[in-house]
C-alpha atoms as a PDB file:
ATOM      1  CA  MET A   1      33.484  15.167  -0.180  1.00  0.00           C
ATOM      2  CA  ILE A   2      34.733  11.631  -0.772  1.00  0.00           C
ATOM      3  CA  ASN A   3      33.542  10.521  -4.183  1.00  0.00           C
ATOM      4  CA  VAL A   4      33.861   6.805  -4.887  1.00  0.00           C
ATOM      5  CA  LYS A   5      31.258   6.624  -7.622  1.00  0.00           C
ATOM      6  CA  ASP A   6      33.715   5.281 -10.180  1.00  0.00           C
ATOM      7  CA  GLN A   7      34.186   2.117  -8.163  1.00  0.00           C
ATOM      8  CA  ASN A   8      31.379  -0.392  -8.526  1.00  0.00           C
ATOM      9  CA  TYR A   9      30.950  -2.580  -5.490  1.00  0.00           C
ATOM     10  CA  ASN A  10      29.375  -5.907  -6.454  1.00  0.00           C
ATOM     11  CA  ASP A  11      28.468  -6.651  -2.830  1.00  0.00           C
ATOM     12  CA  LEU A  12      26.494  -3.412  -2.628  1.00  0.00           C
ATOM     13  CA  LYS A  13      24.879  -4.039  -6.012  1.00  0.00           C
ATOM     14  CA  TYR A  14      23.612  -7.458  -4.893  1.00  0.00           C
ATOM     15  CA  ILE A  15      22.162  -5.944  -1.727  1.00  0.00           C
ATOM     16  CA  CYS A  16      20.437  -3.219  -3.772  1.00  0.00           C
ATOM     17  CA  ASP A  17      19.062  -5.803  -6.206  1.00  0.00           C
ATOM     18  CA  ASP A  18      17.395  -7.465  -3.234  1.00  0.00           C
ATOM     19  CA  PHE A  19      16.161  -4.127  -1.896  1.00  0.00           C
ATOM     20  CA  GLU A  20      14.716  -3.191  -5.282  1.00  0.00           C
ATOM     21  CA  LYS A  21      12.711  -6.416  -5.452  1.00  0.00           C
ATOM     22  CA  TYR A  22      11.163  -5.572  -2.092  1.00  0.00           C
ATOM     23  CA  LEU A  23      10.543  -1.971  -3.210  1.00  0.00           C
ATOM     24  CA  LEU A  24       8.671  -3.189  -6.304  1.00  0.00           C
ATOM     25  CA  PHE A  25       6.678  -5.661  -4.189  1.00  0.00           C
ATOM     26  CA  LEU A  26       5.609  -2.830  -1.881  1.00  0.00           C
ATOM     27  CA  LYS A  27       4.826  -0.559  -4.842  1.00  0.00           C
ATOM     28  CA  ASP A  28       2.614  -3.175  -6.488  1.00  0.00           C
ATOM     29  CA  THR A  29       0.905  -4.205  -3.252  1.00  0.00           C
ATOM     30  CA  ILE A  30      -0.269  -0.696  -2.331  1.00  0.00           C
ATOM     31  CA  LYS A  31      -0.701   0.398  -5.968  1.00  0.00           C
ATOM     32  CA  LEU A  32       1.774   3.276  -6.080  1.00  0.00           C
ATOM     33  CA  PRO A  33       1.933   4.617  -9.663  1.00  0.00           C
ATOM     34  CA  ASP A  34       5.156   5.513 -11.459  1.00  0.00           C
ATOM     35  CA  TYR A  35       4.144   9.098 -12.276  1.00  0.00           C
ATOM     36  CA  TRP A  36       3.617  11.957  -9.852  1.00  0.00           C
ATOM     37  CA  ASN A  37       0.808  14.445 -10.411  1.00  0.00           C
ATOM     38  CA  VAL A  38      -0.231  17.464  -8.376  1.00  0.00           C
ATOM     39  CA  ASN A  39      -3.897  16.463  -8.078  1.00  0.00           C
ATOM     40  CA  ASP A  40      -2.981  13.274  -6.213  1.00  0.00           C
ATOM     41  CA  ALA A  41      -0.002  14.703  -4.326  1.00  0.00           C
ATOM     42  CA  PHE A  42      -1.415  13.955  -0.855  1.00  0.00           C
ATOM     43  CA  GLU A  43      -2.383  10.352  -1.605  1.00  0.00           C
ATOM     44  CA  LEU A  44       0.930   9.707  -3.343  1.00  0.00           C
ATOM     45  CA  GLU A  45       2.871  11.099  -0.383  1.00  0.00           C
ATOM     46  CA  ILE A  46       0.988   8.842   2.042  1.00  0.00           C
ATOM     47  CA  LYS A  47       1.911   5.818  -0.077  1.00  0.00           C
ATOM     48  CA  LYS A  48       5.535   6.878  -0.497  1.00  0.00           C
ATOM     49  CA  SER A  49       5.871   7.511   3.243  1.00  0.00           C
ATOM     50  CA  PHE A  50       4.538   4.064   4.084  1.00  0.00           C
ATOM     51  CA  ILE A  51       6.986   2.435   1.660  1.00  0.00           C
ATOM     52  CA  ARG A  52       9.856   4.431   3.169  1.00  0.00           C
ATOM     53  CA  GLY A  53       8.994   3.109   6.640  1.00  0.00           C
ATOM     54  CA  ALA A  54       8.686  -0.477   5.414  1.00  0.00           C
ATOM     55  CA  LEU A  55      12.057  -0.285   3.619  1.00  0.00           C
ATOM     56  CA  ARG A  56      13.823   1.266   6.612  1.00  0.00           C
ATOM     57  CA  TYR A  57      12.694  -1.509   8.947  1.00  0.00           C
ATOM     58  CA  SER A  58      13.489  -4.360   6.599  1.00  0.00           C
ATOM     59  CA  LYS A  59      16.035  -6.933   7.729  1.00  0.00           C
ATOM     60  CA  LYS A  60      17.860  -6.117   4.499  1.00  0.00           C
ATOM     61  CA  THR A  61      19.115  -2.956   6.231  1.00  0.00           C
ATOM     62  CA  ASN A  62      21.520  -5.093   8.262  1.00  0.00           C
ATOM     63  CA  ALA A  63      23.298  -6.113   5.048  1.00  0.00           C
ATOM     64  CA  ILE A  64      23.850  -2.416   4.204  1.00  0.00           C
ATOM     65  CA  ILE A  65      25.255  -1.706   7.665  1.00  0.00           C
ATOM     66  CA  GLN A  66      27.617  -4.673   7.415  1.00  0.00           C
ATOM     67  CA  PHE A  67      28.805  -3.468   4.006  1.00  0.00           C
ATOM     68  CA  ILE A  68      29.514   0.044   5.338  1.00  0.00           C
ATOM     69  CA  GLN A  69      31.366  -1.391   8.319  1.00  0.00           C
ATOM     70  CA  SER A  70      33.653  -3.169   5.860  1.00  0.00           C
ATOM     71  CA  GLN A  71      34.339   0.139   4.058  1.00  0.00           C
ATOM     72  CA  ILE A  72      35.112   2.417   7.003  1.00  0.00           C
ATOM     73  CA  HIS A  73      38.771   1.402   7.221  1.00  0.00           C
ATOM     74  CA  GLU A  74      39.237   1.497   3.427  1.00  0.00           C
ATOM     75  CA  LEU A  75      37.789   5.025   3.317  1.00  0.00           C
ATOM     76  CA  LYS A  76      40.209   6.087   6.077  1.00  0.00           C
ATOM     77  CA  LEU A  77      37.440   7.403   8.322  1.00  0.00           C
ATOM     78  CA  LYS A  78      38.652   8.001  11.861  1.00  0.00           C
ATOM     79  CA  ASN A  79      36.770   8.201  15.158  1.00  0.00           C
ATOM     80  CA  ILE A  80      33.591   6.702  13.731  1.00  0.00           C
ATOM     81  CA  ASN A  81      31.454   4.991  16.363  1.00  0.00           C
ATOM     82  CA  TYR A  82      27.818   5.043  15.243  1.00  0.00           C
ATOM     83  CA  ILE A  83      25.643   4.348  12.231  1.00  0.00           C
ATOM     84  CA  THR A  84      21.922   5.029  11.741  1.00  0.00           C
ATOM     85  CA  PRO A  85      19.407   2.828   9.924  1.00  0.00           C
ATOM     86  CA  ILE A  86      18.759   3.715   6.289  1.00  0.00           C
ATOM     87  CA  TYR A  87      16.666   6.762   5.395  1.00  0.00           C
ATOM     88  CA  PRO A  88      14.974   5.836   2.073  1.00  0.00           C
ATOM     89  CA  MET A  89      13.771   8.401  -0.494  1.00  0.00           C
ATOM     90  CA  VAL A  90      11.273   7.425  -3.202  1.00  0.00           C
ATOM     91  CA  HIS A  91      11.224   9.568  -6.358  1.00  0.00           C
ATOM     92  CA  LEU A  92       8.324   9.123  -8.744  1.00  0.00           C
ATOM     93  CA  ILE A  93       8.667  10.356 -12.321  1.00  0.00           C
ATOM     94  CA  ASN A  94       8.512  14.178 -12.334  1.00  0.00           C
ATOM     95  CA  ASP A  95       8.076  14.131  -8.542  1.00  0.00           C
ATOM     96  CA  ARG A  96       8.056  17.811  -7.554  1.00  0.00           C
ATOM     97  CA  VAL A  97       7.951  17.005  -3.846  1.00  0.00           C
ATOM     98  CA  GLU A  98      11.369  15.315  -4.052  1.00  0.00           C
ATOM     99  CA  GLY A  99      13.185  18.177  -5.781  1.00  0.00           C
ATOM    100  CA  GLY A 100      14.761  19.605  -2.636  1.00  0.00           C
ATOM    101  CA  GLY A 101      16.653  22.871  -2.304  1.00  0.00           C
ATOM    102  CA  PHE A 102      20.353  23.088  -1.505  1.00  0.00           C
ATOM    103  CA  HIS A 103      21.223  22.401   2.126  1.00  0.00           C
ATOM    104  CA  TYR A 104      23.810  20.734   4.345  1.00  0.00           C
ATOM    105  CA  ASP A 105      23.222  17.953   6.869  1.00  0.00           C
ATOM    106  CA  ASP A 106      25.056  19.157   9.980  1.00  0.00           C
ATOM    107  CA  GLU A 107      27.190  22.173  10.884  1.00  0.00           C
ATOM    108  CA  LYS A 108      28.037  21.371  14.507  1.00  0.00           C
ATOM    109  CA  ASN A 109      29.718  17.995  14.593  1.00  0.00           C
ATOM    110  CA  VAL A 110      33.163  16.849  13.524  1.00  0.00           C
ATOM    111  CA  ASN A 111      33.367  13.318  12.088  1.00  0.00           C
ATOM    112  CA  PHE A 112      29.817  13.410  10.792  1.00  0.00           C
ATOM    113  CA  TYR A 113      29.249  11.814   7.382  1.00  0.00           C
ATOM    114  CA  THR A 114      26.337  11.026   5.102  1.00  0.00           C
ATOM    115  CA  PHE A 115      26.529   7.770   3.153  1.00  0.00           C
ATOM    116  CA  TRP A 116      24.276   7.977   0.065  1.00  0.00           C
ATOM    117  CA  PHE A 117      23.557   5.205  -2.444  1.00  0.00           C
ATOM    118  CA  PRO A 118      20.953   4.476  -5.137  1.00  0.00           C
ATOM    119  CA  MET A 119      18.717   1.441  -4.719  1.00  0.00           C
ATOM    120  CA  THR A 120      17.742   1.570  -8.393  1.00  0.00           C
ATOM    121  CA  ASP A 121      19.646   2.164 -11.629  1.00  0.00           C
ATOM    122  CA  ASN A 122      19.163   5.819 -12.559  1.00  0.00           C
ATOM    123  CA  LYS A 123      18.961   7.401 -16.009  1.00  0.00           C
ATOM    124  CA  TYR A 124      19.150  10.918 -14.597  1.00  0.00           C
ATOM    125  CA  SER A 125      21.279  12.815 -12.083  1.00  0.00           C
ATOM    126  CA  PRO A 126      19.627  12.166  -8.702  1.00  0.00           C
ATOM    127  CA  ILE A 127      21.732  14.590  -6.702  1.00  0.00           C
ATOM    128  CA  SER A 128      23.827  17.752  -7.128  1.00  0.00           C
ATOM    129  CA  ILE A 129      26.552  19.267  -4.962  1.00  0.00           C
ATOM    130  CA  PHE A 130      28.000  22.759  -4.778  1.00  0.00           C
ATOM    131  CA  GLY A 131      31.034  22.745  -7.043  1.00  0.00           C
ATOM    132  CA  TYR A 132      33.328  24.375  -4.483  1.00  0.00           C
ATOM    133  CA  GLN A 133      33.825  23.054  -0.962  1.00  0.00           C
ATOM    134  CA  ASN A 134      36.483  24.066   1.580  1.00  0.00           C
ATOM    135  CA  LYS A 135      36.722  25.411   5.128  1.00  0.00           C
ATOM    136  CA  LEU A 136      35.896  28.958   4.022  1.00  0.00           C
ATOM    137  CA  ILE A 137      32.822  27.721   2.124  1.00  0.00           C
ATOM    138  CA  ASP A 138      31.819  25.722   5.208  1.00  0.00           C
ATOM    139  CA  ARG A 139      31.955  28.853   7.335  1.00  0.00           C
ATOM    140  CA  PHE A 140      29.716  30.875   5.023  1.00  0.00           C
ATOM    141  CA  ALA A 141      27.471  28.037   3.828  1.00  0.00           C
ATOM    142  CA  LYS A 142      24.236  29.689   4.997  1.00  0.00           C
ATOM    143  CA  ILE A 143      25.017  32.901   3.097  1.00  0.00           C
ATOM    144  CA  ILE A 144      26.071  30.955   0.002  1.00  0.00           C
ATOM    145  CA  ILE A 145      22.785  29.025   0.002  1.00  0.00           C
ATOM    146  CA  LYS A 146      20.767  32.199   0.628  1.00  0.00           C
ATOM    147  CA  LEU A 147      22.443  33.867  -2.369  1.00  0.00           C
ATOM    148  CA  LYS A 148      21.500  30.790  -4.460  1.00  0.00           C
ATOM    149  CA  LEU A 149      25.110  30.372  -5.609  1.00  0.00           C
ATOM    150  CA  PRO A 150      24.887  26.544  -5.587  1.00  0.00           C
ATOM    151  CA  TYR A 151      22.350  26.712  -8.419  1.00  0.00           C
ATOM    152  CA  ILE A 152      24.952  28.504 -10.549  1.00  0.00           C
ATOM    153  CA  PHE A 153      28.001  26.452  -9.543  1.00  0.00           C
ATOM    154  CA  LYS A 154      26.450  23.039  -9.045  1.00  0.00           C
ATOM    155  CA  LYS A 155      27.905  19.714 -10.072  1.00  0.00           C
ATOM    156  CA  LYS A 156      25.494  16.937 -11.057  1.00  0.00           C
ATOM    157  CA  LEU A 157      26.300  13.453  -9.804  1.00  0.00           C
ATOM    158  CA  TYR A 158      25.355  10.229 -11.557  1.00  0.00           C
ATOM    159  CA  ALA A 159      25.118   6.823  -9.916  1.00  0.00           C
ATOM    160  CA  SER A 160      23.576   3.380 -10.306  1.00  0.00           C
ATOM    161  CA  LYS A 161      23.318   0.309  -8.106  1.00  0.00           C
ATOM    162  CA  GLY A 162      26.712  -0.585  -6.665  1.00  0.00           C
ATOM    163  CA  ASN A 163      27.916   3.051  -6.460  1.00  0.00           C
ATOM    164  CA  PHE A 164      27.871   5.268  -3.389  1.00  0.00           C
ATOM    165  CA  PHE A 165      28.841   8.762  -2.298  1.00  0.00           C
ATOM    166  CA  LEU A 166      30.139   9.864   1.064  1.00  0.00           C
ATOM    167  CA  TRP A 167      30.229  13.482   2.213  1.00  0.00           C
ATOM    168  CA  ASP A 168      30.732  15.305   5.481  1.00  0.00           C
ATOM    169  CA  GLY A 169      27.998  17.198   7.287  1.00  0.00           C
ATOM    170  CA  LYS A 170      28.960  20.572   5.821  1.00  0.00           C
ATOM    171  CA  THR A 171      28.756  19.568   2.144  1.00  0.00           C
ATOM    172  CA  ILE A 172      26.147  21.644   0.282  1.00  0.00           C
ATOM    173  CA  HIS A 173      23.909  19.404  -1.827  1.00  0.00           C
ATOM    174  CA  ALA A 174      20.392  19.004  -3.235  1.00  0.00           C
ATOM    175  CA  GLY A 175      18.145  16.245  -4.544  1.00  0.00           C
ATOM    176  CA  ASN A 176      17.152  16.544  -8.210  1.00  0.00           C
ATOM    177  CA  ILE A 177      13.736  15.965  -9.776  1.00  0.00           C
ATOM    178  CA  ASN A 178      13.398  12.592 -11.463  1.00  0.00           C
ATOM    179  CA  ASN A 179      13.112  13.470 -15.159  1.00  0.00           C
ATOM    180  CA  SER A 180      13.669   9.906 -16.346  1.00  0.00           C
ATOM    181  CA  GLU A 181      11.046   7.355 -17.389  1.00  0.00           C
ATOM    182  CA  SER A 182      11.285   5.190 -14.269  1.00  0.00           C
ATOM    183  CA  MET A 183      10.625   5.540 -10.559  1.00  0.00           C
ATOM    184  CA  SER A 184      13.826   5.753  -8.549  1.00  0.00           C
ATOM    185  CA  CYS A 185      14.834   5.152  -4.955  1.00  0.00           C
ATOM    186  CA  ALA A 186      17.934   6.134  -2.995  1.00  0.00           C
ATOM    187  CA  CYS A 187      18.939   5.773   0.634  1.00  0.00           C
ATOM    188  CA  GLN A 188      21.153   7.706   2.989  1.00  0.00           C
ATOM    189  CA  LEU A 189      22.365   7.099   6.510  1.00  0.00           C
ATOM    190  CA  LYS A 190      24.611   8.858   8.989  1.00  0.00           C
ATOM    191  CA  ILE A 191      28.047   7.651  10.084  1.00  0.00           C
ATOM    192  CA  THR A 192      29.152   9.588  13.148  1.00  0.00           C
ATOM    193  CA  GLU A 193      31.551   9.912  16.065  1.00  0.00           C
ATOM    194  CA  LYS A 194      28.769  10.898  18.470  1.00  0.00           C
ATOM    195  CA  LYS A 195      25.273   9.473  18.472  1.00  0.00           C
ATOM    196  CA  TYR A 196      23.087  11.194  15.890  1.00  0.00           C
ATOM    197  CA  GLU A 197      20.704  13.496  17.694  1.00  0.00           C
ATOM    198  CA  TYR A 198      17.487  12.640  15.870  1.00  0.00           C
ATOM    199  CA  GLU A 199      17.622   8.913  15.087  1.00  0.00           C
ATOM    200  CA  SER A 200      18.547   5.694  16.829  1.00  0.00           C
ATOM    201  CA  SER A 201      22.091   4.526  16.123  1.00  0.00           C
ATOM    202  CA  LEU A 202      24.014   1.257  16.197  1.00  0.00           C
ATOM    203  CA  ASN A 203      27.334   1.296  18.066  1.00  0.00           C
ATOM    204  CA  LEU A 204      29.916   0.048  15.572  1.00  0.00           C
ATOM    205  CA  ASN A 205      32.303  -0.909  18.380  1.00  0.00           C
ATOM    206  CA  PHE A 206      29.820  -3.576  19.501  1.00  0.00           C
ATOM    207  CA  PRO A 207      28.532  -4.857  16.165  1.00  0.00           C
ATOM    208  CA  LYS A 208      25.291  -6.783  16.155  1.00  0.00           C
ATOM    209  CA  GLU A 209      22.290  -7.037  13.922  1.00  0.00           C
ATOM    210  CA  ILE A 210      19.569  -4.487  14.536  1.00  0.00           C
ATOM    211  CA  ASP A 211      16.309  -6.023  15.721  1.00  0.00           C
ATOM    212  CA  PHE A 212      13.928  -4.340  13.317  1.00  0.00           C
ATOM    213  CA  ASP A 213      10.167  -4.025  13.540  1.00  0.00           C
ATOM    214  CA  VAL A 214       9.661  -5.866  10.250  1.00  0.00           C
ATOM    215  CA  ILE A 215       6.252  -6.047   8.568  1.00  0.00           C
ATOM    216  CA  LYS A 216       5.531  -9.583   7.385  1.00  0.00           C
ATOM    217  CA  GLN A 217       4.851  -9.641   3.650  1.00  0.00           C
ATOM    218  CA  GLU A 218       1.393 -11.101   4.178  1.00  0.00           C
ATOM    219  CA  ASP A 219       0.567  -8.165   6.486  1.00  0.00           C
ATOM    220  CA  ILE A 220       1.730  -5.354   4.175  1.00  0.00           C
ATOM    221  CA  LEU A 221      -1.657  -4.519   2.660  1.00  0.00           C
ATOM    222  CA  ARG A 222      -3.457  -4.657   6.012  1.00  0.00           C
ATOM    223  CA  GLU A 223      -0.903  -2.395   7.683  1.00  0.00           C
ATOM    224  CA  PHE A 224      -0.974   0.018   4.757  1.00  0.00           C
ATOM    225  CA  ASN A 225      -4.785   0.209   4.804  1.00  0.00           C
ATOM    226  CA  LEU A 226      -4.689   0.935   8.538  1.00  0.00           C
ATOM    227  CA  PHE A 227      -2.130   3.707   7.954  1.00  0.00           C
ATOM    228  CA  TYR A 228      -3.893   5.169   4.915  1.00  0.00           C
ATOM    229  CA  GLU A 229      -7.428   5.093   6.324  1.00  0.00           C
ATOM    230  CA  PHE A 230      -6.445   6.639   9.644  1.00  0.00           C
ATOM    231  CA  ILE A 231      -4.547   9.525   8.030  1.00  0.00           C
ATOM    232  CA  ASN A 232      -7.532  10.308   5.843  1.00  0.00           C
ATOM    233  CA  LEU A 233      -9.843  10.016   8.842  1.00  0.00           C
ATOM    234  CA  ILE A 234      -7.986  12.634  10.890  1.00  0.00           C
ATOM    235  CA  TYR A 235      -7.624  14.829   7.806  1.00  0.00           C
ATOM    236  CA  LYS A 236     -11.384  14.916   7.197  1.00  0.00           C
ATOM    237  CA  ASN A 237     -12.553  15.124  10.833  1.00  0.00           C
ATOM    238  CA  LYS A 238     -10.902  18.187  12.347  1.00  0.00           C
ATOM    239  CA  SER A 239     -13.116  18.379  15.430  1.00  0.00           C
ATOM    240  CA  GLN A 240     -12.501  14.719  16.399  1.00  0.00           C
ATOM    241  CA  ARG A 241      -8.756  14.459  15.901  1.00  0.00           C
ATOM    242  CA  GLU A 242      -7.826  14.055  19.578  1.00  0.00           C
ATOM    243  CA  GLU A 243     -10.436  11.339  20.140  1.00  0.00           C
ATOM    244  CA  LEU A 244      -9.490   9.535  16.919  1.00  0.00           C
ATOM    245  CA  THR A 245      -5.807   9.639  17.867  1.00  0.00           C
ATOM    246  CA  VAL A 246      -6.456   8.102  21.292  1.00  0.00           C
ATOM    247  CA  ASN A 247      -8.599   5.346  19.766  1.00  0.00           C
ATOM    248  CA  PHE A 248      -5.971   4.613  17.139  1.00  0.00           C
ATOM    249  CA  LEU A 249      -3.233   4.274  19.774  1.00  0.00           C
ATOM    250  CA  LYS A 250      -5.433   2.045  21.964  1.00  0.00           C
ATOM    251  CA  ASN A 251      -6.167  -0.249  19.038  1.00  0.00           C
ATOM    252  CA  THR A 252      -2.536  -0.306  17.860  1.00  0.00           C
ATOM    253  CA  LYS A 253      -1.570  -2.012  21.151  1.00  0.00           C
ATOM    254  CA  ARG A 254       2.195  -1.772  20.569  1.00  0.00           C
ATOM    255  CA  ILE A 255       4.980   0.441  19.260  1.00  0.00           C
ATOM    256  CA  LYS A 256       5.210   0.359  15.466  1.00  0.00           C
ATOM    257  CA  LYS A 257       8.514   1.795  14.349  1.00  0.00           C
ATOM    258  CA  TYR A 258       7.591   1.777  10.670  1.00  0.00           C
ATOM    259  CA  PHE A 259       4.463   3.847  11.412  1.00  0.00           C
ATOM    260  CA  SER A 260       6.503   6.245  13.541  1.00  0.00           C
ATOM    261  CA  PHE A 261       9.054   6.891  10.812  1.00  0.00           C
ATOM    262  CA  SER A 262       6.452   7.069   8.018  1.00  0.00           C
ATOM    263  CA  LEU A 263       4.355   9.628   9.905  1.00  0.00           C
ATOM    264  CA  SER A 264       7.389  11.822  10.539  1.00  0.00           C
ATOM    265  CA  VAL A 265       8.586  11.872   6.922  1.00  0.00           C
ATOM    266  CA  LEU A 266       5.019  12.521   5.738  1.00  0.00           C
ATOM    267  CA  SER A 267       4.837  15.569   8.021  1.00  0.00           C
ATOM    268  CA  GLN A 268       8.237  16.753   6.788  1.00  0.00           C
ATOM    269  CA  ARG A 269       7.345  16.470   3.109  1.00  0.00           C
ATOM    270  CA  ILE A 270       4.072  18.354   3.569  1.00  0.00           C
ATOM    271  CA  LEU A 271       5.743  21.140   5.554  1.00  0.00           C
ATOM    272  CA  THR A 272       8.533  21.671   3.042  1.00  0.00           C
ATOM    273  CA  ASN A 273       6.217  21.575   0.007  1.00  0.00           C
ATOM    274  CA  LYS A 274       3.176  23.532   1.155  1.00  0.00           C
ATOM    275  CA  LYS A 275       2.366  24.805  -2.327  1.00  0.00           C
ATOM    276  CA  TYR A 276       1.324  21.242  -3.225  1.00  0.00           C
ATOM    277  CA  PHE A 277      -0.620  20.713   0.022  1.00  0.00           C
ATOM    278  CA  LYS A 278      -2.482  24.000   0.406  1.00  0.00           C
ATOM    279  CA  LYS A 279      -5.590  22.441   1.977  1.00  0.00           C
ATOM    280  CA  ILE A 280      -3.665  20.826   4.820  1.00  0.00           C
ATOM    281  CA  ASP A 281      -3.772  22.772   8.088  1.00  0.00           C
ATOM    282  CA  ASP A 282      -1.062  23.089  10.756  1.00  0.00           C
ATOM    283  CA  ASP A 283      -3.066  21.115  13.316  1.00  0.00           C
ATOM    284  CA  PHE A 284      -3.112  18.092  11.006  1.00  0.00           C
ATOM    285  CA  ILE A 285       0.689  18.272  10.731  1.00  0.00           C
ATOM    286  CA  ARG A 286       0.890  18.523  14.539  1.00  0.00           C
ATOM    287  CA  ILE A 287      -1.138  15.315  14.856  1.00  0.00           C
ATOM    288  CA  LEU A 288       1.182  13.507  12.435  1.00  0.00           C
ATOM    289  CA  ASP A 289       4.219  14.502  14.501  1.00  0.00           C
ATOM    290  CA  GLU A 290       2.540  13.598  17.788  1.00  0.00           C
ATOM    291  CA  LEU A 291       1.593  10.194  16.428  1.00  0.00           C
ATOM    292  CA  SER A 292       5.113   9.708  15.132  1.00  0.00           C
ATOM    293  CA  LEU A 293       6.401  10.193  18.675  1.00  0.00           C
ATOM    294  CA  LEU A 294       3.671   8.161  20.363  1.00  0.00           C
ATOM    295  CA  THR A 295       4.116   5.133  18.076  1.00  0.00           C
ATOM    296  CA  GLY A 296       7.861   4.882  18.675  1.00  0.00           C
ATOM    297  CA  ALA A 297       9.659   8.259  18.375  1.00  0.00           C
ATOM    298  CA  GLU A 298      11.840   6.922  15.562  1.00  0.00           C
ATOM    299  CA  ASN A 299      12.586  10.321  14.032  1.00  0.00           C
ATOM    300  CA  LEU A 300      12.996  13.042  16.637  1.00  0.00           C
ATOM    301  CA  ILE A 301      12.822  15.782  14.024  1.00  0.00           C
ATOM    302  CA  SER A 302       9.113  15.445  14.843  1.00  0.00           C
ATOM    303  CA  LEU A 303       9.884  16.447  18.423  1.00  0.00           C
ATOM    304  CA  LYS A 304      11.793  19.495  17.193  1.00  0.00           C
ATOM    305  CA  ARG A 305       8.806  20.548  15.073  1.00  0.00           C
ATOM    306  CA  LEU A 306       6.399  20.051  17.993  1.00  0.00           C
ATOM    307  CA  LEU A 307       8.587  22.191  20.226  1.00  0.00           C
ATOM    308  CA  ARG A 308       8.132  25.024  17.749  1.00  0.00           C
ATOM    309  CA  TYR A 309       4.387  24.394  17.724  1.00  0.00           C
ATOM    310  CA  PHE A 310       4.328  24.721  21.546  1.00  0.00           C
ATOM    311  CA  ASN A 311       6.610  27.802  21.438  1.00  0.00           C
ATOM    312  CA  GLY A 312       9.486  25.930  23.086  1.00  0.00           C
ATOM    313  CA  ASP A 313       7.430  24.972  26.166  1.00  0.00           C
ATOM    314  CA  LYS A 314       8.718  21.457  26.985  1.00  0.00           C
ATOM    315  CA  ASN A 315       6.375  20.952  29.934  1.00  0.00           C
ATOM    316  CA  LYS A 316       3.303  21.825  27.891  1.00  0.00           C
ATOM    317  CA  LEU A 317       4.433  19.498  25.113  1.00  0.00           C
ATOM    318  CA  LEU A 318       5.107  16.624  27.531  1.00  0.00           C
ATOM    319  CA  LYS A 319       1.767  17.083  29.271  1.00  0.00           C
ATOM    320  CA  ASN A 320       0.003  16.984  25.927  1.00  0.00           C
ATOM    321  CA  LEU A 321       1.794  13.757  24.993  1.00  0.00           C
ATOM    322  CA  GLU A 322       1.368  12.068  28.377  1.00  0.00           C
ATOM    323  CA  GLU A 323      -2.407  12.202  28.052  1.00  0.00           C
ATOM    324  CA  LYS A 324      -2.133   9.853  25.046  1.00  0.00           C
ATOM    325  CA  ASP A 325       1.034   7.946  25.937  1.00  0.00           C
ATOM    326  CA  PHE A 326       0.174   4.232  26.013  1.00  0.00           C
ATOM    327  CA  PHE A 327       3.740   3.012  25.376  1.00  0.00           C
ATOM    328  CA  ASN A 328       5.775   5.119  27.858  1.00  0.00           C
ATOM    329  CA  ILE A 329       7.320   7.236  25.099  1.00  0.00           C
ATOM    330  CA  SER A 330       7.364  10.328  27.339  1.00  0.00           C
ATOM    331  CA  LYS A 331      10.224   8.792  29.331  1.00  0.00           C
ATOM    332  CA  LYS A 332      12.331   8.555  26.152  1.00  0.00           C
ATOM    333  CA  ILE A 333      11.568  12.196  25.364  1.00  0.00           C
ATOM    334  CA  GLN A 334      12.453  13.334  28.893  1.00  0.00           C
ATOM    335  CA  ILE A 335      15.825  11.572  28.555  1.00  0.00           C
ATOM    336  CA  TYR A 336      16.347  13.327  25.232  1.00  0.00           C
ATOM    337  CA  PHE A 337      15.581  16.722  26.822  1.00  0.00           C
ATOM    338  CA  SER A 338      18.035  16.046  29.651  1.00  0.00           C
ATOM    339  CA  ASN A 339      20.821  15.127  27.192  1.00  0.00           C
ATOM    340  CA  HIS A 340      20.301  17.887  24.621  1.00  0.00           C
ATOM    341  CA  ASN A 341      20.103  21.641  24.851  1.00  0.00           C
ATOM    342  CA  VAL A 342      16.819  22.217  23.022  1.00  0.00           C
END
């Protein structure tokens, strides 16, 4: 792991100051509280997911990418060709959904790095890593995690705006619960030799600004209400979910990347924290992942989850999607299947 926390980058701090202002604007606009509580876990997760999508597809992301480009040579990273958009994480106070277990990001690829930075000043340790990391640890990482050794030999990391961490895909790490008195937000993105399998990537050899699907500030509340009301509609009306999904897609009229990403991370959070979402059924999660694909396929982890739902039957999955595919997303998925052994 490359740890450059002790260096404070003013350029990055200024970018994060700007990001934080937008985060607080979004928070106030959709009335996201500071504190997490189990009784409102579902509603809070919908709001957090929407904010994560809006942040990811902000033009401010280009400033982050430009900053990282300027650091690649200084960090002595070789054979790096691609970078993903930011993957924001919103941590409310005492947010049990965000206290993730120890894991690693990728075990297959060489020259695969995660760039992690806080968007807010933190008064707690937002992330921990396993205190020992070498090639032998990399080889037995699954066993080490299964034995819960990282919980015994963990190292807490501290960071505020202007700091960042960089680690390779085999580094064992975990997010920590926010036990401070303020909401926090951090972002991560992937820097890779080969295109990241699950997200769109910018080719660093041909630098250009990403054309994001930005929500205009005056449209934030309207877009959130559309997102929030539809999710609750399909949650409450089990027998009408297919019809409601088709109507939603017809009325949407275009790809919405921020919806696509928000739906995927909402599905992921529910699946990995089922004890807080006991009333939510598997079919509802399937609909979230389908909609994530059909509104833009911005996080193909949703496709991986759907493949499991359809027992690995690609043809059955594609047929199911094609019946509701108003934006020719199936073609993108077919290309993905032809390029990846899934």
